[in-house]
Amino acid sequence: MFEYYPLVQNTVSYSDNASENPFRKGDVLRGSGYGFGFNFGVTNGFGYQMLYKKLQIKELEISGTKTTVPDDRYSSFGVDEFSLGFLIRY
């Protein structure tokens, strides 16, 4: 299976006010990404699923100011996620 995420968005709900943390509550991170995975052993309605997602952040909205990353202040960053799940189909 393959998934494409043309827009991913996360709004910061909590942020420690440490000086090295640029994010504050209400800041927004936007980007895009993809995922791919496999289903195994789906018999009698049961099986397993493995899924890998890669999300890349391309835009930040910090204190109401939008910026595209990477720029002179922020480097490019993203999220790599792997999950394993149990499936029940009926």
PDB file of N, CA and C in Angstrom:
ATOM      1  N   MET A   1       0.841  -1.155   0.000  1.00  0.00           N
ATOM      2  CA  MET A   1       0.000   0.000   0.000  1.00  0.00           C
ATOM      3  C   MET A   1       0.896   1.230   0.000  1.00  0.00           C
ATOM      4  N   PHE A   2       0.426   2.297  -0.618  1.00  0.00           N
ATOM      5  CA  PHE A   2       1.165   3.557  -0.679  1.00  0.00           C
ATOM      6  C   PHE A   2       0.216   4.692  -0.324  1.00  0.00           C
ATOM      7  N   GLU A   3       0.689   5.660   0.447  1.00  0.00           N
ATOM      8  CA  GLU A   3      -0.108   6.825   0.825  1.00  0.00           C
ATOM      9  C   GLU A   3       0.677   8.089   0.494  1.00  0.00           C
ATOM     10  N   TYR A   4      -0.023   9.112   0.059  1.00  0.00           N
ATOM     11  CA  TYR A   4       0.594  10.412  -0.203  1.00  0.00           C
ATOM     12  C   TYR A   4      -0.167  11.457   0.600  1.00  0.00           C
ATOM     13  N   TYR A   5       0.559  12.314   1.307  1.00  0.00           N
ATOM     14  CA  TYR A   5      -0.041  13.348   2.133  1.00  0.00           C
ATOM     15  C   TYR A   5       0.336  14.707   1.544  1.00  0.00           C
ATOM     16  N   PRO A   6      -0.532  15.293   0.724  1.00  0.00           N
ATOM     17  CA  PRO A   6      -0.178  16.571   0.096  1.00  0.00           C
ATOM     18  C   PRO A   6      -0.063  17.717   1.095  1.00  0.00           C
ATOM     19  N   LEU A   7      -0.742  17.611   2.236  1.00  0.00           N
ATOM     20  CA  LEU A   7      -0.646  18.641   3.272  1.00  0.00           C
ATOM     21  C   LEU A   7      -0.729  17.981   4.642  1.00  0.00           C
ATOM     22  N   VAL A   8       0.307  18.170   5.428  1.00  0.00           N
ATOM     23  CA  VAL A   8       0.272  17.779   6.837  1.00  0.00           C
ATOM     24  C   VAL A   8       0.444  19.053   7.648  1.00  0.00           C
ATOM     25  N   GLN A   9      -0.269  19.139   8.744  1.00  0.00           N
ATOM     26  CA  GLN A   9      -0.223  20.357   9.551  1.00  0.00           C
ATOM     27  C   GLN A   9      -0.315  19.988  11.017  1.00  0.00           C
ATOM     28  N   ASN A  10       0.457  20.668  11.821  1.00  0.00           N
ATOM     29  CA  ASN A  10       0.416  20.474  13.266  1.00  0.00           C
ATOM     30  C   ASN A  10       0.458  21.840  13.939  1.00  0.00           C
ATOM     31  N   THR A  11      -0.418  22.051  14.898  1.00  0.00           N
ATOM     32  CA  THR A  11      -0.423  23.281  15.694  1.00  0.00           C
ATOM     33  C   THR A  11       0.158  22.961  17.064  1.00  0.00           C
ATOM     34  N   VAL A  12       1.128  23.734  17.490  1.00  0.00           N
ATOM     35  CA  VAL A  12       1.778  23.513  18.777  1.00  0.00           C
ATOM     36  C   VAL A  12       0.760  23.775  19.883  1.00  0.00           C
ATOM     37  N   SER A  13       0.540  22.773  20.734  1.00  0.00           N
ATOM     38  CA  SER A  13      -0.437  22.927  21.810  1.00  0.00           C
ATOM     39  C   SER A  13       0.237  23.241  23.142  1.00  0.00           C
ATOM     40  N   TYR A  14       1.522  22.945  23.254  1.00  0.00           N
ATOM     41  CA  TYR A  14       2.267  23.251  24.469  1.00  0.00           C
ATOM     42  C   TYR A  14       3.721  23.476  24.085  1.00  0.00           C
ATOM     43  N   SER A  15       4.377  24.396  24.750  1.00  0.00           N
ATOM     44  CA  SER A  15       5.792  24.633  24.499  1.00  0.00           C
ATOM     45  C   SER A  15       6.454  25.155  25.761  1.00  0.00           C
ATOM     46  N   ASP A  16       7.538  24.506  26.122  1.00  0.00           N
ATOM     47  CA  ASP A  16       8.361  24.987  27.231  1.00  0.00           C
ATOM     48  C   ASP A  16       9.042  26.266  26.762  1.00  0.00           C
ATOM     49  N   ASN A  17       9.112  27.261  27.581  1.00  0.00           N
ATOM     50  CA  ASN A  17       9.664  28.552  27.180  1.00  0.00           C
ATOM     51  C   ASN A  17      11.191  28.604  27.258  1.00  0.00           C
ATOM     52  N   ALA A  18      11.847  27.475  27.051  1.00  0.00           N
ATOM     53  CA  ALA A  18      13.313  27.452  27.053  1.00  0.00           C
ATOM     54  C   ALA A  18      13.841  28.263  25.877  1.00  0.00           C
ATOM     55  N   SER A  19      14.960  28.917  26.068  1.00  0.00           N
ATOM     56  CA  SER A  19      15.481  29.821  25.035  1.00  0.00           C
ATOM     57  C   SER A  19      15.839  29.111  23.740  1.00  0.00           C
ATOM     58  N   GLU A  20      16.219  27.833  23.791  1.00  0.00           N
ATOM     59  CA  GLU A  20      16.584  27.112  22.563  1.00  0.00           C
ATOM     60  C   GLU A  20      15.379  26.584  21.803  1.00  0.00           C
ATOM     61  N   ASN A  21      14.180  26.709  22.344  1.00  0.00           N
ATOM     62  CA  ASN A  21      12.954  26.252  21.686  1.00  0.00           C
ATOM     63  C   ASN A  21      12.276  27.436  20.991  1.00  0.00           C
ATOM     64  N   PRO A  22      12.252  27.444  19.636  1.00  0.00           N
ATOM     65  CA  PRO A  22      11.652  28.585  18.939  1.00  0.00           C
ATOM     66  C   PRO A  22      10.122  28.566  18.923  1.00  0.00           C
ATOM     67  N   PHE A  23       9.487  27.435  19.261  1.00  0.00           N
ATOM     68  CA  PHE A  23       8.042  27.302  19.124  1.00  0.00           C
ATOM     69  C   PHE A  23       7.305  27.710  20.392  1.00  0.00           C
ATOM     70  N   ARG A  24       6.140  28.300  20.181  1.00  0.00           N
ATOM     71  CA  ARG A  24       5.246  28.689  21.262  1.00  0.00           C
ATOM     72  C   ARG A  24       3.855  28.147  20.957  1.00  0.00           C
ATOM     73  N   LYS A  25       3.006  28.097  21.962  1.00  0.00           N
ATOM     74  CA  LYS A  25       1.640  27.612  21.783  1.00  0.00           C
ATOM     75  C   LYS A  25       0.964  28.399  20.667  1.00  0.00           C
ATOM     76  N   GLY A  26       0.327  27.671  19.726  1.00  0.00           N
ATOM     77  CA  GLY A  26      -0.377  28.291  18.610  1.00  0.00           C
ATOM     78  C   GLY A  26       0.435  28.365  17.328  1.00  0.00           C
ATOM     79  N   ASP A  27       1.750  28.133  17.382  1.00  0.00           N
ATOM     80  CA  ASP A  27       2.560  28.114  16.162  1.00  0.00           C
ATOM     81  C   ASP A  27       2.158  26.920  15.300  1.00  0.00           C
ATOM     82  N   VAL A  28       2.344  27.045  13.988  1.00  0.00           N
ATOM     83  CA  VAL A  28       1.884  26.027  13.041  1.00  0.00           C
ATOM     84  C   VAL A  28       3.058  25.527  12.205  1.00  0.00           C
ATOM     85  N   LEU A  29       3.115  24.212  11.993  1.00  0.00           N
ATOM     86  CA  LEU A  29       4.100  23.575  11.122  1.00  0.00           C
ATOM     87  C   LEU A  29       3.341  22.918   9.983  1.00  0.00           C
ATOM     88  N   ARG A  30       3.781  23.150   8.732  1.00  0.00           N
ATOM     89  CA  ARG A  30       3.114  22.578   7.562  1.00  0.00           C
ATOM     90  C   ARG A  30       4.135  21.908   6.657  1.00  0.00           C
ATOM     91  N   GLY A  31       3.678  20.884   5.949  1.00  0.00           N
ATOM     92  CA  GLY A  31       4.558  20.194   5.016  1.00  0.00           C
ATOM     93  C   GLY A  31       3.787  19.171   4.211  1.00  0.00           C
ATOM     94  N   SER A  32       4.496  18.163   3.749  1.00  0.00           N
ATOM     95  CA  SER A  32       3.888  17.077   2.974  1.00  0.00           C
ATOM     96  C   SER A  32       4.659  15.800   3.284  1.00  0.00           C
ATOM     97  N   GLY A  33       4.202  14.690   2.727  1.00  0.00           N
ATOM     98  CA  GLY A  33       4.890  13.441   2.998  1.00  0.00           C
ATOM     99  C   GLY A  33       4.278  12.267   2.277  1.00  0.00           C
ATOM    100  N   TYR A  34       4.782  11.097   2.611  1.00  0.00           N
ATOM    101  CA  TYR A  34       4.296   9.862   2.008  1.00  0.00           C
ATOM    102  C   TYR A  34       4.431   8.735   3.020  1.00  0.00           C
ATOM    103  N   GLY A  35       3.774   7.644   2.718  1.00  0.00           N
ATOM    104  CA  GLY A  35       3.868   6.458   3.548  1.00  0.00           C
ATOM    105  C   GLY A  35       3.710   5.226   2.678  1.00  0.00           C
ATOM    106  N   PHE A  36       4.299   4.141   3.089  1.00  0.00           N
ATOM    107  CA  PHE A  36       4.083   2.870   2.408  1.00  0.00           C
ATOM    108  C   PHE A  36       4.115   1.756   3.443  1.00  0.00           C
ATOM    109  N   GLY A  37       3.428   0.681   3.122  1.00  0.00           N
ATOM    110  CA  GLY A  37       3.344  -0.399   4.089  1.00  0.00           C
ATOM    111  C   GLY A  37       2.861  -1.682   3.471  1.00  0.00           C
ATOM    112  N   PHE A  38       2.718  -2.691   4.322  1.00  0.00           N
ATOM    113  CA  PHE A  38       2.321  -4.026   3.904  1.00  0.00           C
ATOM    114  C   PHE A  38       1.337  -4.596   4.911  1.00  0.00           C
ATOM    115  N   ASN A  39       0.418  -5.410   4.403  1.00  0.00           N
ATOM    116  CA  ASN A  39      -0.487  -6.193   5.239  1.00  0.00           C
ATOM    117  C   ASN A  39      -0.043  -7.643   5.162  1.00  0.00           C
ATOM    118  N   PHE A  40      -0.011  -8.329   6.295  1.00  0.00           N
ATOM    119  CA  PHE A  40       0.425  -9.718   6.335  1.00  0.00           C
ATOM    120  C   PHE A  40      -0.620 -10.603   6.986  1.00  0.00           C
ATOM    121  N   GLY A  41      -0.772 -11.792   6.440  1.00  0.00           N
ATOM    122  CA  GLY A  41      -1.570 -12.821   7.087  1.00  0.00           C
ATOM    123  C   GLY A  41      -3.010 -12.466   7.330  1.00  0.00           C
ATOM    124  N   VAL A  42      -3.636 -11.753   6.416  1.00  0.00           N
ATOM    125  CA  VAL A  42      -5.034 -11.387   6.608  1.00  0.00           C
ATOM    126  C   VAL A  42      -5.902 -12.581   6.197  1.00  0.00           C
ATOM    127  N   THR A  43      -6.119 -13.483   7.165  1.00  0.00           N
ATOM    128  CA  THR A  43      -6.997 -14.631   6.963  1.00  0.00           C
ATOM    129  C   THR A  43      -7.968 -14.685   8.120  1.00  0.00           C
ATOM    130  N   ASN A  44      -9.140 -15.129   7.844  1.00  0.00           N
ATOM    131  CA  ASN A  44     -10.191 -15.191   8.867  1.00  0.00           C
ATOM    132  C   ASN A  44     -10.402 -13.846   9.553  1.00  0.00           C
ATOM    133  N   GLY A  45     -10.076 -12.750   8.850  1.00  0.00           N
ATOM    134  CA  GLY A  45     -10.313 -11.421   9.384  1.00  0.00           C
ATOM    135  C   GLY A  45      -9.215 -10.872  10.280  1.00  0.00           C
ATOM    136  N   PHE A  46      -8.103 -11.602  10.438  1.00  0.00           N
ATOM    137  CA  PHE A  46      -7.020 -11.144  11.313  1.00  0.00           C
ATOM    138  C   PHE A  46      -5.720 -11.021  10.524  1.00  0.00           C
ATOM    139  N   GLY A  47      -4.876 -10.089  10.933  1.00  0.00           N
ATOM    140  CA  GLY A  47      -3.587  -9.927  10.282  1.00  0.00           C
ATOM    141  C   GLY A  47      -2.771  -8.829  10.941  1.00  0.00           C
ATOM    142  N   TYR A  48      -1.655  -8.504  10.302  1.00  0.00           N
ATOM    143  CA  TYR A  48      -0.748  -7.473  10.794  1.00  0.00           C
ATOM    144  C   TYR A  48      -0.489  -6.455   9.692  1.00  0.00           C
ATOM    145  N   GLN A  49      -0.182  -5.259  10.096  1.00  0.00           N
ATOM    146  CA  GLN A  49       0.135  -4.200   9.143  1.00  0.00           C
ATOM    147  C   GLN A  49       1.399  -3.481   9.602  1.00  0.00           C
ATOM    148  N   MET A  50       2.323  -3.269   8.670  1.00  0.00           N
ATOM    149  CA  MET A  50       3.516  -2.469   8.927  1.00  0.00           C
ATOM    150  C   MET A  50       3.405  -1.224   8.066  1.00  0.00           C
ATOM    151  N   LEU A  51       3.701  -0.065   8.633  1.00  0.00           N
ATOM    152  CA  LEU A  51       3.583   1.193   7.906  1.00  0.00           C
ATOM    153  C   LEU A  51       4.755   2.106   8.246  1.00  0.00           C
ATOM    154  N   TYR A  52       5.377   2.657   7.216  1.00  0.00           N
ATOM    155  CA  TYR A  52       6.450   3.634   7.371  1.00  0.00           C
ATOM    156  C   TYR A  52       5.961   4.957   6.791  1.00  0.00           C
ATOM    157  N   LYS A  53       6.123   6.060   7.542  1.00  0.00           N
ATOM    158  CA  LYS A  53       5.740   7.395   7.066  1.00  0.00           C
ATOM    159  C   LYS A  53       6.940   8.323   7.131  1.00  0.00           C
ATOM    160  N   LYS A  54       7.066   9.157   6.118  1.00  0.00           N
ATOM    161  CA  LYS A  54       8.094  10.198   6.094  1.00  0.00           C
ATOM    162  C   LYS A  54       7.386  11.521   5.817  1.00  0.00           C
ATOM    163  N   LEU A  55       7.464  12.441   6.768  1.00  0.00           N
ATOM    164  CA  LEU A  55       6.836  13.751   6.651  1.00  0.00           C
ATOM    165  C   LEU A  55       7.932  14.808   6.675  1.00  0.00           C
ATOM    166  N   GLN A  56       7.850  15.771   5.780  1.00  0.00           N
ATOM    167  CA  GLN A  56       8.855  16.826   5.674  1.00  0.00           C
ATOM    168  C   GLN A  56       8.186  18.175   5.909  1.00  0.00           C
ATOM    169  N   ILE A  57       8.665  18.925   6.901  1.00  0.00           N
ATOM    170  CA  ILE A  57       8.130  20.243   7.212  1.00  0.00           C
ATOM    171  C   ILE A  57       8.743  21.256   6.245  1.00  0.00           C
ATOM    172  N   LYS A  58       7.884  22.058   5.594  1.00  0.00           N
ATOM    173  CA  LYS A  58       8.337  23.014   4.588  1.00  0.00           C
ATOM    174  C   LYS A  58       7.989  24.458   4.921  1.00  0.00           C
ATOM    175  N   GLU A  59       7.078  24.646   5.895  1.00  0.00           N
ATOM    176  CA  GLU A  59       6.652  26.001   6.231  1.00  0.00           C
ATOM    177  C   GLU A  59       6.387  26.094   7.733  1.00  0.00           C
ATOM    178  N   LEU A  60       6.811  27.189   8.327  1.00  0.00           N
ATOM    179  CA  LEU A  60       6.558  27.467   9.741  1.00  0.00           C
ATOM    180  C   LEU A  60       5.773  28.759   9.855  1.00  0.00           C
ATOM    181  N   GLU A  61       4.856  28.783  10.799  1.00  0.00           N
ATOM    182  CA  GLU A  61       4.158  30.019  11.139  1.00  0.00           C
ATOM    183  C   GLU A  61       4.398  30.248  12.622  1.00  0.00           C
ATOM    184  N   ILE A  62       5.375  31.106  12.919  1.00  0.00           N
ATOM    185  CA  ILE A  62       5.802  31.357  14.286  1.00  0.00           C
ATOM    186  C   ILE A  62       5.373  32.760  14.687  1.00  0.00           C
ATOM    187  N   SER A  63       4.543  32.828  15.727  1.00  0.00           N
ATOM    188  CA  SER A  63       4.008  34.110  16.212  1.00  0.00           C
ATOM    189  C   SER A  63       3.355  34.908  15.090  1.00  0.00           C
ATOM    190  N   GLY A  64       2.650  34.202  14.184  1.00  0.00           N
ATOM    191  CA  GLY A  64       1.929  34.847  13.098  1.00  0.00           C
ATOM    192  C   GLY A  64       2.749  35.162  11.860  1.00  0.00           C
ATOM    193  N   THR A  65       4.060  34.904  11.884  1.00  0.00           N
ATOM    194  CA  THR A  65       4.923  35.175  10.740  1.00  0.00           C
ATOM    195  C   THR A  65       5.256  33.873  10.029  1.00  0.00           C
ATOM    196  N   LYS A  66       4.955  33.798   8.715  1.00  0.00           N
ATOM    197  CA  LYS A  66       5.226  32.597   7.929  1.00  0.00           C
ATOM    198  C   LYS A  66       6.634  32.648   7.354  1.00  0.00           C
ATOM    199  N   THR A  67       7.287  31.490   7.373  1.00  0.00           N
ATOM    200  CA  THR A  67       8.600  31.357   6.759  1.00  0.00           C
ATOM    201  C   THR A  67       8.722  29.976   6.129  1.00  0.00           C
ATOM    202  N   THR A  68       9.447  29.888   5.041  1.00  0.00           N
ATOM    203  CA  THR A  68       9.700  28.621   4.367  1.00  0.00           C
ATOM    204  C   THR A  68      11.036  28.086   4.846  1.00  0.00           C
ATOM    205  N   VAL A  69      11.107  26.802   5.124  1.00  0.00           N
ATOM    206  CA  VAL A  69      12.369  26.191   5.563  1.00  0.00           C
ATOM    207  C   VAL A  69      12.919  25.284   4.476  1.00  0.00           C
ATOM    208  N   PRO A  70      14.216  25.162   4.337  1.00  0.00           N
ATOM    209  CA  PRO A  70      15.242  25.797   5.140  1.00  0.00           C
ATOM    210  C   PRO A  70      15.429  27.268   4.762  1.00  0.00           C
ATOM    211  N   ASP A  71      15.867  28.055   5.741  1.00  0.00           N
ATOM    212  CA  ASP A  71      16.223  29.452   5.507  1.00  0.00           C
ATOM    213  C   ASP A  71      17.447  29.782   6.365  1.00  0.00           C
ATOM    214  N   ASP A  72      17.749  31.040   6.518  1.00  0.00           N
ATOM    215  CA  ASP A  72      18.955  31.404   7.263  1.00  0.00           C
ATOM    216  C   ASP A  72      18.834  31.168   8.775  1.00  0.00           C
ATOM    217  N   ARG A  73      17.608  30.982   9.292  1.00  0.00           N
ATOM    218  CA  ARG A  73      17.419  30.739  10.727  1.00  0.00           C
ATOM    219  C   ARG A  73      17.125  29.280  11.062  1.00  0.00           C
ATOM    220  N   TYR A  74      16.378  28.586  10.187  1.00  0.00           N
ATOM    221  CA  TYR A  74      15.924  27.231  10.489  1.00  0.00           C
ATOM    222  C   TYR A  74      16.367  26.263   9.394  1.00  0.00           C
ATOM    223  N   SER A  75      16.847  25.109   9.814  1.00  0.00           N
ATOM    224  CA  SER A  75      17.198  24.061   8.859  1.00  0.00           C
ATOM    225  C   SER A  75      15.946  23.230   8.558  1.00  0.00           C
ATOM    226  N   SER A  76      16.032  22.442   7.513  1.00  0.00           N
ATOM    227  CA  SER A  76      14.931  21.566   7.130  1.00  0.00           C
ATOM    228  C   SER A  76      14.810  20.433   8.152  1.00  0.00           C
ATOM    229  N   PHE A  77      13.585  20.027   8.454  1.00  0.00           N
ATOM    230  CA  PHE A  77      13.391  18.913   9.378  1.00  0.00           C
ATOM    231  C   PHE A  77      12.112  18.170   9.046  1.00  0.00           C
ATOM    232  N   GLY A  78      11.991  16.981   9.593  1.00  0.00           N
ATOM    233  CA  GLY A  78      10.827  16.160   9.327  1.00  0.00           C
ATOM    234  C   GLY A  78      10.658  15.080  10.378  1.00  0.00           C
ATOM    235  N   VAL A  79       9.758  14.150  10.069  1.00  0.00           N
ATOM    236  CA  VAL A  79       9.436  13.060  10.977  1.00  0.00           C
ATOM    237  C   VAL A  79       9.487  11.753  10.205  1.00  0.00           C
ATOM    238  N   ASP A  80      10.177  10.772  10.748  1.00  0.00           N
ATOM    239  CA  ASP A  80      10.147   9.401  10.227  1.00  0.00           C
ATOM    240  C   ASP A  80       9.434   8.559  11.269  1.00  0.00           C
ATOM    241  N   GLU A  81       8.438   7.801  10.818  1.00  0.00           N
ATOM    242  CA  GLU A  81       7.625   7.020  11.758  1.00  0.00           C
ATOM    243  C   GLU A  81       7.443   5.609  11.224  1.00  0.00           C
ATOM    244  N   PHE A  82       7.567   4.633  12.093  1.00  0.00           N
ATOM    245  CA  PHE A  82       7.310   3.241  11.733  1.00  0.00           C
ATOM    246  C   PHE A  82       6.305   2.693  12.732  1.00  0.00           C
ATOM    247  N   SER A  83       5.278   2.014  12.231  1.00  0.00           N
ATOM    248  CA  SER A  83       4.286   1.437  13.135  1.00  0.00           C
ATOM    249  C   SER A  83       3.959   0.010  12.716  1.00  0.00           C
ATOM    250  N   LEU A  84       3.609  -0.784  13.687  1.00  0.00           N
ATOM    251  CA  LEU A  84       3.188  -2.156  13.485  1.00  0.00           C
ATOM    252  C   LEU A  84       1.854  -2.305  14.185  1.00  0.00           C
ATOM    253  N   GLY A  85       0.867  -2.779  13.448  1.00  0.00           N
ATOM    254  CA  GLY A  85      -0.470  -2.872  14.029  1.00  0.00           C
ATOM    255  C   GLY A  85      -1.128  -4.202  13.779  1.00  0.00           C
ATOM    256  N   PHE A  86      -2.151  -4.480  14.528  1.00  0.00           N
ATOM    257  CA  PHE A  86      -2.957  -5.699  14.427  1.00  0.00           C
ATOM    258  C   PHE A  86      -4.254  -5.340  13.717  1.00  0.00           C
ATOM    259  N   LEU A  87      -4.621  -6.105  12.709  1.00  0.00           N
ATOM    260  CA  LEU A  87      -5.829  -5.834  11.918  1.00  0.00           C
ATOM    261  C   LEU A  87      -6.945  -6.827  12.246  1.00  0.00           C
ATOM    262  N   ILE A  88      -8.144  -6.305  12.321  1.00  0.00           N
ATOM    263  CA  ILE A  88      -9.335  -7.138  12.414  1.00  0.00           C
ATOM    264  C   ILE A  88     -10.282  -6.656  11.320  1.00  0.00           C
ATOM    265  N   ARG A  89     -10.579  -7.530  10.394  1.00  0.00           N
ATOM    266  CA  ARG A  89     -11.498  -7.173   9.295  1.00  0.00           C
ATOM    267  C   ARG A  89     -12.722  -8.075   9.350  1.00  0.00           C
ATOM    268  N   TYR A  90     -13.852  -7.446   9.152  1.00  0.00           N
ATOM    269  CA  TYR A  90     -15.098  -8.224   9.146  1.00  0.00           C
ATOM    270  C   TYR A  90     -15.995  -7.742   8.073  1.00  0.00           C
TER     271      TYR A  90
END
